[in-house]
């Protein structure tokens, strides 16, 4: 299972602090990524989507992700 998180905090927390607060470091057998972002400026959006696209391609190439018309949801 793949998880993508966009971290935006009004309290100026770093992405690492958000990871700790959400307990992401405790997730086992999961592929996850946290991307710092700013909803107002769009910062981090393309970087997060690039990570997601490349991760999906890697999983598909390794055979761990179904190819074709199979839905992930």
C-alpha atoms as a PDB file:
ATOM      1  CA  UNK A   1       0.000   0.000   0.000  1.00  0.00           C
ATOM      2  CA  UNK A   2       1.245   3.455  -0.920  1.00  0.00           C
ATOM      3  CA  UNK A   3       0.637   6.554   1.165  1.00  0.00           C
ATOM      4  CA  UNK A   4       1.362  10.113   0.070  1.00  0.00           C
ATOM      5  CA  UNK A   5       1.181  12.907   2.627  1.00  0.00           C
ATOM      6  CA  UNK A   6       1.396  16.606   1.930  1.00  0.00           C
ATOM      7  CA  UNK A   7       2.520  18.359   5.087  1.00  0.00           C
ATOM      8  CA  UNK A   8       1.249  21.843   5.716  1.00  0.00           C
ATOM      9  CA  UNK A   9       1.229  23.203   9.216  1.00  0.00           C
ATOM     10  CA  UNK A  10       0.151  26.611  10.369  1.00  0.00           C
ATOM     11  CA  UNK A  11       2.379  26.107  13.388  1.00  0.00           C
ATOM     12  CA  UNK A  12       5.516  25.980  11.211  1.00  0.00           C
ATOM     13  CA  UNK A  13       6.286  22.341  11.912  1.00  0.00           C
ATOM     14  CA  UNK A  14       8.822  20.602   9.730  1.00  0.00           C
ATOM     15  CA  UNK A  15       7.803  17.550   7.704  1.00  0.00           C
ATOM     16  CA  UNK A  16       9.826  15.417  10.149  1.00  0.00           C
ATOM     17  CA  UNK A  17       7.836  16.795  13.078  1.00  0.00           C
ATOM     18  CA  UNK A  18       4.597  16.024  11.224  1.00  0.00           C
ATOM     19  CA  UNK A  19       5.864  12.450  10.617  1.00  0.00           C
ATOM     20  CA  UNK A  20       6.500  12.022  14.304  1.00  0.00           C
ATOM     21  CA  UNK A  21       3.119  13.501  15.233  1.00  0.00           C
ATOM     22  CA  UNK A  22       1.270  11.186  12.844  1.00  0.00           C
ATOM     23  CA  UNK A  23       3.303   8.152  13.856  1.00  0.00           C
ATOM     24  CA  UNK A  24       4.469   7.538  10.285  1.00  0.00           C
ATOM     25  CA  UNK A  25       7.779   6.079  11.440  1.00  0.00           C
ATOM     26  CA  UNK A  26       5.789   3.240  13.011  1.00  0.00           C
ATOM     27  CA  UNK A  27       4.211   2.198   9.695  1.00  0.00           C
ATOM     28  CA  UNK A  28       5.618  -1.156   8.662  1.00  0.00           C
ATOM     29  CA  UNK A  29       5.234  -2.843   5.272  1.00  0.00           C
ATOM     30  CA  UNK A  30       4.067   0.442   3.749  1.00  0.00           C
ATOM     31  CA  UNK A  31       5.641   2.760   1.231  1.00  0.00           C
ATOM     32  CA  UNK A  32       5.145   6.330   2.309  1.00  0.00           C
ATOM     33  CA  UNK A  33       6.461   9.785   1.587  1.00  0.00           C
ATOM     34  CA  UNK A  34       5.852  13.118   3.209  1.00  0.00           C
ATOM     35  CA  UNK A  35       6.201  16.281   1.181  1.00  0.00           C
ATOM     36  CA  UNK A  36       6.357  19.750   2.662  1.00  0.00           C
ATOM     37  CA  UNK A  37       3.853  21.951   0.888  1.00  0.00           C
ATOM     38  CA  UNK A  38       2.084  25.280   0.810  1.00  0.00           C
ATOM     39  CA  UNK A  39      -1.531  25.246  -0.319  1.00  0.00           C
ATOM     40  CA  UNK A  40      -1.546  28.963  -1.091  1.00  0.00           C
ATOM     41  CA  UNK A  41       1.521  28.932  -3.348  1.00  0.00           C
ATOM     42  CA  UNK A  42       1.381  25.336  -4.571  1.00  0.00           C
ATOM     43  CA  UNK A  43       4.882  24.631  -3.267  1.00  0.00           C
ATOM     44  CA  UNK A  44       5.655  20.933  -3.005  1.00  0.00           C
ATOM     45  CA  UNK A  45       2.718  19.739  -5.114  1.00  0.00           C
ATOM     46  CA  UNK A  46       4.716  18.759  -8.196  1.00  0.00           C
ATOM     47  CA  UNK A  47       7.480  17.195  -6.102  1.00  0.00           C
ATOM     48  CA  UNK A  48       4.962  15.029  -4.267  1.00  0.00           C
ATOM     49  CA  UNK A  49       3.226  13.974  -7.466  1.00  0.00           C
ATOM     50  CA  UNK A  50       6.591  13.210  -9.101  1.00  0.00           C
ATOM     51  CA  UNK A  51       7.430  10.924  -6.171  1.00  0.00           C
ATOM     52  CA  UNK A  52       4.072   9.179  -6.487  1.00  0.00           C
ATOM     53  CA  UNK A  53       4.427   8.663 -10.252  1.00  0.00           C
ATOM     54  CA  UNK A  54       7.974   7.312 -10.012  1.00  0.00           C
ATOM     55  CA  UNK A  55       7.050   5.011  -7.115  1.00  0.00           C
ATOM     56  CA  UNK A  56       4.096   3.599  -9.036  1.00  0.00           C
ATOM     57  CA  UNK A  57       6.312   3.008 -12.097  1.00  0.00           C
ATOM     58  CA  UNK A  58       8.915   1.208  -9.955  1.00  0.00           C
ATOM     59  CA  UNK A  59       6.268  -1.000  -8.354  1.00  0.00           C
ATOM     60  CA  UNK A  60       4.725  -1.819 -11.716  1.00  0.00           C
ATOM     61  CA  UNK A  61       8.132  -2.654 -13.226  1.00  0.00           C
ATOM     62  CA  UNK A  62       8.932  -4.946 -10.298  1.00  0.00           C
ATOM     63  CA  UNK A  63       5.583  -6.735 -10.650  1.00  0.00           C
ATOM     64  CA  UNK A  64       4.315  -5.603  -7.247  1.00  0.00           C
ATOM     65  CA  UNK A  65       1.616  -3.452  -8.838  1.00  0.00           C
ATOM     66  CA  UNK A  66      -1.013  -4.741 -11.274  1.00  0.00           C
ATOM     67  CA  UNK A  67      -0.743  -3.349 -14.775  1.00  0.00           C
ATOM     68  CA  UNK A  68      -3.522  -2.380 -17.112  1.00  0.00           C
ATOM     69  CA  UNK A  69      -7.041  -1.427 -16.112  1.00  0.00           C
ATOM     70  CA  UNK A  70      -6.868  -2.618 -12.507  1.00  0.00           C
ATOM     71  CA  UNK A  71      -7.896   0.034 -10.004  1.00  0.00           C
ATOM     72  CA  UNK A  72      -5.792   0.722  -6.925  1.00  0.00           C
ATOM     73  CA  UNK A  73      -8.871   1.724  -4.926  1.00  0.00           C
END
